[in-house]
C-alpha atoms as a PDB file:
ATOM      1  CA  UNK A   1      19.000 112.378  44.489  1.00  0.00           C
ATOM      2  CA  UNK A   2      18.566 110.430  41.244  1.00  0.00           C
ATOM      3  CA  UNK A   3      17.427 112.740  38.544  1.00  0.00           C
ATOM      4  CA  UNK A   4      14.454 112.051  36.310  1.00  0.00           C
ATOM      5  CA  UNK A   5      16.446 111.067  33.292  1.00  0.00           C
ATOM      6  CA  UNK A   6      18.008 108.242  35.248  1.00  0.00           C
ATOM      7  CA  UNK A   7      14.947 107.149  36.575  1.00  0.00           C
ATOM      8  CA  UNK A   8      13.226 106.403  33.498  1.00  0.00           C
ATOM      9  CA  UNK A   9      16.308 104.545  32.091  1.00  0.00           C
ATOM     10  CA  UNK A  10      16.032 102.226  35.080  1.00  0.00           C
ATOM     11  CA  UNK A  11      12.107 101.732  34.373  1.00  0.00           C
ATOM     12  CA  UNK A  12      12.761 101.372  31.037  1.00  0.00           C
ATOM     13  CA  UNK A  13      15.313  98.215  31.908  1.00  0.00           C
ATOM     14  CA  UNK A  14      13.236  96.438  34.279  1.00  0.00           C
ATOM     15  CA  UNK A  15      10.375  96.433  31.887  1.00  0.00           C
ATOM     16  CA  UNK A  16      12.770  94.595  29.290  1.00  0.00           C
ATOM     17  CA  UNK A  17      14.124  92.145  31.979  1.00  0.00           C
ATOM     18  CA  UNK A  18      10.494  91.151  32.837  1.00  0.00           C
ATOM     19  CA  UNK A  19       9.417  90.782  28.985  1.00  0.00           C
ATOM     20  CA  UNK A  20      12.465  88.539  28.468  1.00  0.00           C
ATOM     21  CA  UNK A  21      11.920  86.504  31.758  1.00  0.00           C
ATOM     22  CA  UNK A  22       8.349  85.806  30.797  1.00  0.00           C
ATOM     23  CA  UNK A  23       8.858  84.606  27.301  1.00  0.00           C
ATOM     24  CA  UNK A  24      11.901  82.153  28.862  1.00  0.00           C
ATOM     25  CA  UNK A  25       9.312  81.021  31.197  1.00  0.00           C
ATOM     26  CA  UNK A  26       6.430  80.140  28.644  1.00  0.00           C
ATOM     27  CA  UNK A  27       8.633  78.650  26.432  1.00  0.00           C
ATOM     28  CA  UNK A  28       9.000  75.899  29.335  1.00  0.00           C
ATOM     29  CA  UNK A  29       5.367  75.213  29.608  1.00  0.00           C
ATOM     30  CA  UNK A  30       5.353  72.122  26.893  1.00  0.00           C
ATOM     31  CA  UNK A  31       8.848  70.804  27.241  1.00  0.00           C
ATOM     32  CA  UNK A  32       9.714  71.080  23.467  1.00  0.00           C
ATOM     33  CA  UNK A  33      10.740  74.627  23.844  1.00  0.00           C
ATOM     34  CA  UNK A  34       7.618  76.020  22.306  1.00  0.00           C
ATOM     35  CA  UNK A  35       5.266  78.501  23.801  1.00  0.00           C
ATOM     36  CA  UNK A  36       1.664  77.048  24.691  1.00  0.00           C
ATOM     37  CA  UNK A  37      -0.551  75.737  27.643  1.00  0.00           C
ATOM     38  CA  UNK A  38      -1.219  72.306  28.281  1.00  0.00           C
ATOM     39  CA  UNK A  39      -4.202  70.851  26.552  1.00  0.00           C
ATOM     40  CA  UNK A  40      -7.032  70.016  28.613  1.00  0.00           C
ATOM     41  CA  UNK A  41      -8.137  66.701  28.852  1.00  0.00           C
ATOM     42  CA  UNK A  42     -11.128  65.332  27.014  1.00  0.00           C
ATOM     43  CA  UNK A  43     -13.745  63.724  28.821  1.00  0.00           C
ATOM     44  CA  UNK A  44     -14.613  60.062  27.973  1.00  0.00           C
ATOM     45  CA  UNK A  45     -11.615  59.601  25.740  1.00  0.00           C
ATOM     46  CA  UNK A  46      -9.641  56.402  26.024  1.00  0.00           C
ATOM     47  CA  UNK A  47      -6.558  55.788  24.709  1.00  0.00           C
ATOM     48  CA  UNK A  48      -6.169  52.768  22.280  1.00  0.00           C
ATOM     49  CA  UNK A  49      -3.281  50.304  23.186  1.00  0.00           C
ATOM     50  CA  UNK A  50      -2.509  47.863  19.981  1.00  0.00           C
ATOM     51  CA  UNK A  51      -1.396  44.470  21.073  1.00  0.00           C
ATOM     52  CA  UNK A  52       1.755  42.978  19.881  1.00  0.00           C
ATOM     53  CA  UNK A  53       1.277  40.322  17.010  1.00  0.00           C
ATOM     54  CA  UNK A  54       0.741  36.735  18.416  1.00  0.00           C
ATOM     55  CA  UNK A  55       3.377  34.213  16.893  1.00  0.00           C
ATOM     56  CA  UNK A  56       1.274  31.075  15.329  1.00  0.00           C
ATOM     57  CA  UNK A  57       2.920  28.035  15.778  1.00  0.00           C
ATOM     58  CA  UNK A  58       4.274  26.311  12.613  1.00  0.00           C
ATOM     59  CA  UNK A  59       2.173  22.759  11.640  1.00  0.00           C
ATOM     60  CA  UNK A  60       3.781  19.689  12.832  1.00  0.00           C
ATOM     61  CA  UNK A  61       1.893  16.991  11.185  1.00  0.00           C
ATOM     62  CA  UNK A  62       1.875  16.884   7.663  1.00  0.00           C
ATOM     63  CA  UNK A  63       0.352  14.598   4.908  1.00  0.00           C
ATOM     64  CA  UNK A  64       2.806  11.829   4.379  1.00  0.00           C
ATOM     65  CA  UNK A  65       4.052  11.031   0.789  1.00  0.00           C
ATOM     66  CA  UNK A  66       2.259   8.915  -1.424  1.00  0.00           C
ATOM     67  CA  UNK A  67       4.789   5.933  -0.486  1.00  0.00           C
ATOM     68  CA  UNK A  68       3.821   5.993   2.962  1.00  0.00           C
ATOM     69  CA  UNK A  69       1.558   2.807   3.882  1.00  0.00           C
ATOM     70  CA  UNK A  70      -0.205   3.106   6.888  1.00  0.00           C
ATOM     71  CA  UNK A  71      -1.391  -0.498   6.389  1.00  0.00           C
ATOM     72  CA  UNK A  72       2.108  -1.862   6.995  1.00  0.00           C
ATOM     73  CA  UNK A  73       1.726  -0.729  10.838  1.00  0.00           C
ATOM     74  CA  UNK A  74      -1.384  -2.372  11.238  1.00  0.00           C
ATOM     75  CA  UNK A  75      -2.334  -5.948  12.305  1.00  0.00           C
ATOM     76  CA  UNK A  76      -4.615  -6.206   9.183  1.00  0.00           C
ATOM     77  CA  UNK A  77      -3.837  -5.566   5.551  1.00  0.00           C
ATOM     78  CA  UNK A  78      -6.240  -3.173   3.468  1.00  0.00           C
ATOM     79  CA  UNK A  79      -7.968  -6.413   1.661  1.00  0.00           C
ATOM     80  CA  UNK A  80      -8.280  -8.214   4.993  1.00  0.00           C
ATOM     81  CA  UNK A  81      -9.873  -5.100   6.992  1.00  0.00           C
ATOM     82  CA  UNK A  82     -12.297  -4.582   3.658  1.00  0.00           C
ATOM     83  CA  UNK A  83     -13.299  -8.176   3.381  1.00  0.00           C
ATOM     84  CA  UNK A  84     -14.102  -8.251   7.558  1.00  0.00           C
ATOM     85  CA  UNK A  85     -15.968  -4.902   7.280  1.00  0.00           C
ATOM     86  CA  UNK A  86     -17.911  -5.754   4.338  1.00  0.00           C
ATOM     87  CA  UNK A  87     -18.945  -9.162   5.795  1.00  0.00           C
ATOM     88  CA  UNK A  88     -20.332  -6.930   8.899  1.00  0.00           C
ATOM     89  CA  UNK A  89     -22.359  -4.785   6.630  1.00  0.00           C
ATOM     90  CA  UNK A  90     -23.803  -7.635   4.762  1.00  0.00           C
ATOM     91  CA  UNK A  91     -24.964  -9.579   7.910  1.00  0.00           C
ATOM     92  CA  UNK A  92     -26.283  -6.400   9.370  1.00  0.00           C
ATOM     93  CA  UNK A  93     -28.490  -6.182   5.991  1.00  0.00           C
ATOM     94  CA  UNK A  94     -29.564  -9.791   6.623  1.00  0.00           C
ATOM     95  CA  UNK A  95     -30.437  -9.299  10.008  1.00  0.00           C
ATOM     96  CA  UNK A  96     -32.997  -6.337   9.394  1.00  0.00           C
ATOM     97  CA  UNK A  97     -34.311  -8.619   6.784  1.00  0.00           C
ATOM     98  CA  UNK A  98     -37.438 -10.949   7.808  1.00  0.00           C
ATOM     99  CA  UNK A  99     -40.802 -11.872   7.286  1.00  0.00           C
ATOM    100  CA  UNK A 100     -43.324 -13.035  10.312  1.00  0.00           C
ATOM    101  CA  UNK A 101     -43.723 -16.246   8.257  1.00  0.00           C
ATOM    102  CA  UNK A 102     -40.357 -17.215   7.611  1.00  0.00           C
ATOM    103  CA  UNK A 103     -38.629 -17.341  10.887  1.00  0.00           C
ATOM    104  CA  UNK A 104     -36.402 -20.543  10.189  1.00  0.00           C
ATOM    105  CA  UNK A 105     -35.504 -19.099   6.752  1.00  0.00           C
ATOM    106  CA  UNK A 106     -34.033 -16.226   8.395  1.00  0.00           C
ATOM    107  CA  UNK A 107     -32.303 -18.150  10.750  1.00  0.00           C
ATOM    108  CA  UNK A 108     -30.290 -20.215   7.865  1.00  0.00           C
ATOM    109  CA  UNK A 109     -29.623 -16.906   6.042  1.00  0.00           C
ATOM    110  CA  UNK A 110     -27.794 -15.738   9.077  1.00  0.00           C
ATOM    111  CA  UNK A 111     -25.951 -18.850   9.973  1.00  0.00           C
ATOM    112  CA  UNK A 112     -24.435 -18.083   6.409  1.00  0.00           C
ATOM    113  CA  UNK A 113     -22.458 -15.311   7.871  1.00  0.00           C
ATOM    114  CA  UNK A 114     -21.687 -16.233  11.639  1.00  0.00           C
ATOM    115  CA  UNK A 115     -19.603 -18.883  13.485  1.00  0.00           C
ATOM    116  CA  UNK A 116     -21.524 -22.346  14.242  1.00  0.00           C
ATOM    117  CA  UNK A 117     -21.868 -20.988  17.950  1.00  0.00           C
ATOM    118  CA  UNK A 118     -23.305 -17.746  17.462  1.00  0.00           C
ATOM    119  CA  UNK A 119     -25.219 -19.351  14.363  1.00  0.00           C
ATOM    120  CA  UNK A 120     -26.875 -21.467  16.858  1.00  0.00           C
ATOM    121  CA  UNK A 121     -27.304 -18.605  19.108  1.00  0.00           C
ATOM    122  CA  UNK A 122     -29.521 -16.588  16.797  1.00  0.00           C
ATOM    123  CA  UNK A 123     -31.458 -19.692  15.451  1.00  0.00           C
ATOM    124  CA  UNK A 124     -32.732 -19.916  19.123  1.00  0.00           C
ATOM    125  CA  UNK A 125     -33.382 -16.392  19.416  1.00  0.00           C
ATOM    126  CA  UNK A 126     -35.294 -15.533  16.123  1.00  0.00           C
ATOM    127  CA  UNK A 127     -37.498 -18.898  16.125  1.00  0.00           C
ATOM    128  CA  UNK A 128     -38.663 -18.756  19.854  1.00  0.00           C
ATOM    129  CA  UNK A 129     -41.970 -19.023  20.479  1.00  0.00           C
ATOM    130  CA  UNK A 130     -42.152 -15.824  21.758  1.00  0.00           C
ATOM    131  CA  UNK A 131     -40.620 -14.059  18.557  1.00  0.00           C
ATOM    132  CA  UNK A 132     -42.508 -15.688  16.182  1.00  0.00           C
ATOM    133  CA  UNK A 133     -46.048 -14.643  18.010  1.00  0.00           C
ATOM    134  CA  UNK A 134     -44.747 -11.372  18.385  1.00  0.00           C
ATOM    135  CA  UNK A 135     -44.161 -11.177  14.451  1.00  0.00           C
ATOM    136  CA  UNK A 136     -47.146 -12.954  13.470  1.00  0.00           C
ATOM    137  CA  UNK A 137     -49.687 -10.957  15.536  1.00  0.00           C
ATOM    138  CA  UNK A 138     -48.522  -7.700  14.278  1.00  0.00           C
ATOM    139  CA  UNK A 139     -47.530  -9.654  10.593  1.00  0.00           C
ATOM    140  CA  UNK A 140     -44.233  -7.970  10.651  1.00  0.00           C
ATOM    141  CA  UNK A 141     -42.392  -7.771   7.318  1.00  0.00           C
ATOM    142  CA  UNK A 142     -38.770  -5.894   6.986  1.00  0.00           C
ATOM    143  CA  UNK A 143     -36.176  -4.769   4.687  1.00  0.00           C
ATOM    144  CA  UNK A 144     -32.911  -4.186   5.957  1.00  0.00           C
ATOM    145  CA  UNK A 145     -30.058  -1.684   5.093  1.00  0.00           C
ATOM    146  CA  UNK A 146     -26.920  -0.767   6.550  1.00  0.00           C
ATOM    147  CA  UNK A 147     -23.633   1.352   6.127  1.00  0.00           C
ATOM    148  CA  UNK A 148     -20.276   1.269   7.996  1.00  0.00           C
ATOM    149  CA  UNK A 149     -19.757   4.054  10.520  1.00  0.00           C
ATOM    150  CA  UNK A 150     -16.236   3.050  12.096  1.00  0.00           C
ATOM    151  CA  UNK A 151     -13.711   0.280  13.043  1.00  0.00           C
ATOM    152  CA  UNK A 152     -13.728   0.092  17.152  1.00  0.00           C
ATOM    153  CA  UNK A 153     -11.345  -2.467  17.550  1.00  0.00           C
ATOM    154  CA  UNK A 154      -8.746  -4.762  15.772  1.00  0.00           C
ATOM    155  CA  UNK A 155      -6.354  -7.137  16.264  1.00  0.00           C
ATOM    156  CA  UNK A 156      -4.487  -9.941  14.002  1.00  0.00           C
ATOM    157  CA  UNK A 157      -7.608 -12.328  13.910  1.00  0.00           C
ATOM    158  CA  UNK A 158     -10.491 -10.110  14.944  1.00  0.00           C
ATOM    159  CA  UNK A 159     -12.297  -7.269  13.733  1.00  0.00           C
ATOM    160  CA  UNK A 160     -15.199  -4.900  15.625  1.00  0.00           C
ATOM    161  CA  UNK A 161     -17.032  -2.802  13.209  1.00  0.00           C
ATOM    162  CA  UNK A 162     -19.915  -0.436  14.046  1.00  0.00           C
ATOM    163  CA  UNK A 163     -22.575  -0.697  11.450  1.00  0.00           C
ATOM    164  CA  UNK A 164     -25.592   1.580  11.084  1.00  0.00           C
ATOM    165  CA  UNK A 165     -28.780  -0.835  10.586  1.00  0.00           C
ATOM    166  CA  UNK A 166     -31.763   0.327   9.078  1.00  0.00           C
ATOM    167  CA  UNK A 167     -34.757  -2.047   9.233  1.00  0.00           C
ATOM    168  CA  UNK A 168     -37.942  -0.497   7.195  1.00  0.00           C
ATOM    169  CA  UNK A 169     -40.763  -2.261   8.960  1.00  0.00           C
ATOM    170  CA  UNK A 170     -44.438  -2.706   7.465  1.00  0.00           C
ATOM    171  CA  UNK A 171     -46.937  -4.087   9.897  1.00  0.00           C
ATOM    172  CA  UNK A 172     -50.751  -4.354  10.821  1.00  0.00           C
ATOM    173  CA  UNK A 173     -49.672  -1.665  13.518  1.00  0.00           C
ATOM    174  CA  UNK A 174     -47.714   0.932  10.967  1.00  0.00           C
ATOM    175  CA  UNK A 175     -44.816   1.241   9.052  1.00  0.00           C
ATOM    176  CA  UNK A 176     -41.884   2.779  10.507  1.00  0.00           C
ATOM    177  CA  UNK A 177     -38.166   2.803  10.075  1.00  0.00           C
ATOM    178  CA  UNK A 178     -35.976   1.381  12.977  1.00  0.00           C
ATOM    179  CA  UNK A 179     -32.322   2.458  12.970  1.00  0.00           C
ATOM    180  CA  UNK A 180     -29.675   1.115  15.520  1.00  0.00           C
ATOM    181  CA  UNK A 181     -26.153   1.172  15.545  1.00  0.00           C
ATOM    182  CA  UNK A 182     -24.539  -2.471  16.330  1.00  0.00           C
ATOM    183  CA  UNK A 183     -21.252  -3.310  17.255  1.00  0.00           C
ATOM    184  CA  UNK A 184     -20.106  -6.389  15.056  1.00  0.00           C
ATOM    185  CA  UNK A 185     -17.230  -8.946  15.723  1.00  0.00           C
ATOM    186  CA  UNK A 186     -15.658 -10.599  12.930  1.00  0.00           C
ATOM    187  CA  UNK A 187     -13.324 -13.096  13.245  1.00  0.00           C
ATOM    188  CA  UNK A 188     -10.857 -15.242  11.171  1.00  0.00           C
ATOM    189  CA  UNK A 189     -11.799 -18.956  10.489  1.00  0.00           C
ATOM    190  CA  UNK A 190      -9.077 -20.439   8.427  1.00  0.00           C
ATOM    191  CA  UNK A 191      -8.918 -17.867   5.282  1.00  0.00           C
ATOM    192  CA  UNK A 192     -12.050 -16.707   5.419  1.00  0.00           C
ATOM    193  CA  UNK A 193     -14.234 -14.355   8.083  1.00  0.00           C
ATOM    194  CA  UNK A 194     -17.380 -14.868  10.221  1.00  0.00           C
ATOM    195  CA  UNK A 195     -19.444 -12.984  12.621  1.00  0.00           C
ATOM    196  CA  UNK A 196     -18.745 -14.043  16.077  1.00  0.00           C
ATOM    197  CA  UNK A 197     -20.980 -11.705  17.979  1.00  0.00           C
ATOM    198  CA  UNK A 198     -23.558  -8.779  17.676  1.00  0.00           C
ATOM    199  CA  UNK A 199     -24.173  -5.812  20.367  1.00  0.00           C
ATOM    200  CA  UNK A 200     -25.868  -2.576  20.157  1.00  0.00           C
ATOM    201  CA  UNK A 201     -23.245  -0.298  19.766  1.00  0.00           C
ATOM    202  CA  UNK A 202     -24.569   2.383  22.360  1.00  0.00           C
ATOM    203  CA  UNK A 203     -25.139  -0.066  25.600  1.00  0.00           C
ATOM    204  CA  UNK A 204     -21.517  -0.453  26.459  1.00  0.00           C
ATOM    205  CA  UNK A 205     -20.719  -3.156  24.927  1.00  0.00           C
ATOM    206  CA  UNK A 206     -17.333  -3.035  22.511  1.00  0.00           C
ATOM    207  CA  UNK A 207     -17.860  -6.245  20.992  1.00  0.00           C
ATOM    208  CA  UNK A 208     -16.881  -9.831  22.064  1.00  0.00           C
ATOM    209  CA  UNK A 209     -13.274 -10.072  20.418  1.00  0.00           C
ATOM    210  CA  UNK A 210     -12.435 -13.521  22.273  1.00  0.00           C
ATOM    211  CA  UNK A 211     -13.677 -16.152  20.232  1.00  0.00           C
END
């Protein structure tokens, strides 16, 4: 039989082994070799993920140097384009300036800007009995103004200019401002320019560029 002293020695040894084993197992709990328990998940917590930076492409188009002349690539020079556009603007001013008692004078002033054919068409329009009767009945007097908006089309001998025309009208029926965008076709006649056509810019007409 095992004596009392030996039994006590074995018991103490068993306690020591169990204690060491317990310490070893607890150090494996967090994977880092330190004693601890897994932290409980926090309800509602979200993980923030930072997106990688987006690469911004470098700018391809740049402003050319002062030596670059874009007009050398156009069918018209700067002076030609400027003269044509200014003629379209001044014609639109004259088109919106008239008086009920001077239809013939209005037609003559417009013909100073136009080709012969278009001038004849305008004369028939503004001096027609219906137009004269309408303007006279309301005693319409109009003062025109205009500003250039854009170049719609161009070739070596014609330009279609979009012009905003404003007619400040006084009449028996009351005063009003009438604003319209016109597509004015200007063509080269010799060394000069003449208005060849007039259309409402928003009516689907680009202007007649085939004189």
